[in-house]
């Protein structure tokens, strides 16, 4: 999954982060590490308005995304 933009977390990282999310009244919470430019290519829904507040402003397709794509297409 890492090559698709979904980076693994250690158990300690996930539990530490989740500890700050789990509060009374929280209906849904999630913990993850994403390379948004890559993940958007796999899940087009991540580029929609519904996810706009979750995706960092600088996560658009840029030189890194282009370089990643060129590496994938290389023989």
Protein backbone atom coordinates (compact mmCIF):
# COMPACT_ATOMS: atom_id res chain seq x y z
CA UNK A 1 0.00 0.00 0.00
CA UNK A 2 2.94 2.33 0.57
CA UNK A 3 3.57 2.55 -3.16
CA UNK A 4 -0.03 3.73 -3.57
CA UNK A 5 0.33 6.54 -1.03
CA UNK A 6 -0.83 4.84 2.17
CA UNK A 7 2.17 4.69 4.48
CA UNK A 8 2.27 2.19 7.36
CA UNK A 9 2.29 3.33 10.98
CA UNK A 10 3.88 1.53 13.88
CA UNK A 11 1.53 0.35 16.60
CA UNK A 12 3.03 2.95 18.95
CA UNK A 13 2.42 5.77 16.44
CA UNK A 14 -1.18 4.69 15.87
CA UNK A 15 -1.97 4.38 19.59
CA UNK A 16 -0.29 7.66 20.48
CA UNK A 17 -2.23 9.52 17.80
CA UNK A 18 -5.51 7.73 18.51
CA UNK A 19 -5.22 8.64 22.17
CA UNK A 20 -5.64 12.30 21.24
CA UNK A 21 -8.65 11.58 19.04
CA UNK A 22 -10.74 9.46 21.37
CA UNK A 23 -12.85 11.91 23.33
CA UNK A 24 -16.45 11.87 24.52
CA UNK A 25 -18.75 12.74 21.64
CA UNK A 26 -16.37 11.61 18.91
CA UNK A 27 -18.38 9.44 16.54
CA UNK A 28 -15.67 8.57 14.04
CA UNK A 29 -11.88 8.90 14.10
CA UNK A 30 -9.07 7.54 12.00
CA UNK A 31 -5.30 7.51 12.01
CA UNK A 32 -3.16 7.28 8.90
CA UNK A 33 -0.14 8.58 7.05
CA UNK A 34 -0.79 9.47 3.44
CA UNK A 35 1.14 10.72 0.46
CA UNK A 36 -1.88 12.57 -0.89
CA UNK A 37 -0.58 13.16 -4.42
CA UNK A 38 -0.18 9.39 -4.87
CA UNK A 39 -3.33 8.39 -2.98
CA UNK A 40 -5.44 10.73 -5.13
CA UNK A 41 -4.42 8.80 -8.22
CA UNK A 42 -5.73 5.59 -6.69
CA UNK A 43 -8.84 7.01 -5.03
CA UNK A 44 -10.22 9.82 -7.19
CA UNK A 45 -12.77 10.63 -4.47
CA UNK A 46 -9.92 12.14 -2.41
CA UNK A 47 -9.86 15.05 -4.89
CA UNK A 48 -13.54 15.92 -4.27
CA UNK A 49 -14.93 18.65 -2.03
CA UNK A 50 -15.92 16.06 0.59
CA UNK A 51 -12.25 15.49 1.47
CA UNK A 52 -11.02 19.06 0.94
CA UNK A 53 -10.61 19.75 4.67
CA UNK A 54 -8.60 16.55 5.20
CA UNK A 55 -6.12 16.97 2.37
CA UNK A 56 -3.27 19.44 2.95
CA UNK A 57 -3.30 22.45 0.63
CA UNK A 58 0.16 21.58 -0.69
CA UNK A 59 -0.84 18.01 -1.64
CA UNK A 60 -1.63 18.82 -5.25
CA UNK A 61 0.12 17.16 -8.13
CA UNK A 62 3.60 18.61 -8.21
CA UNK A 63 7.13 17.68 -9.18
CA UNK A 64 7.18 14.81 -6.68
CA UNK A 65 3.99 13.34 -8.13
CA UNK A 66 5.42 13.64 -11.65
CA UNK A 67 8.70 12.02 -10.58
CA UNK A 68 6.80 9.15 -8.93
CA UNK A 69 4.74 8.60 -12.06
CA UNK A 70 7.83 8.59 -14.28
CA UNK A 71 9.49 6.01 -11.99
CA UNK A 72 6.40 3.79 -12.22
CA UNK A 73 6.37 3.99 -16.01
CA UNK A 74 10.10 3.38 -16.44
CA UNK A 75 11.05 -0.03 -17.89
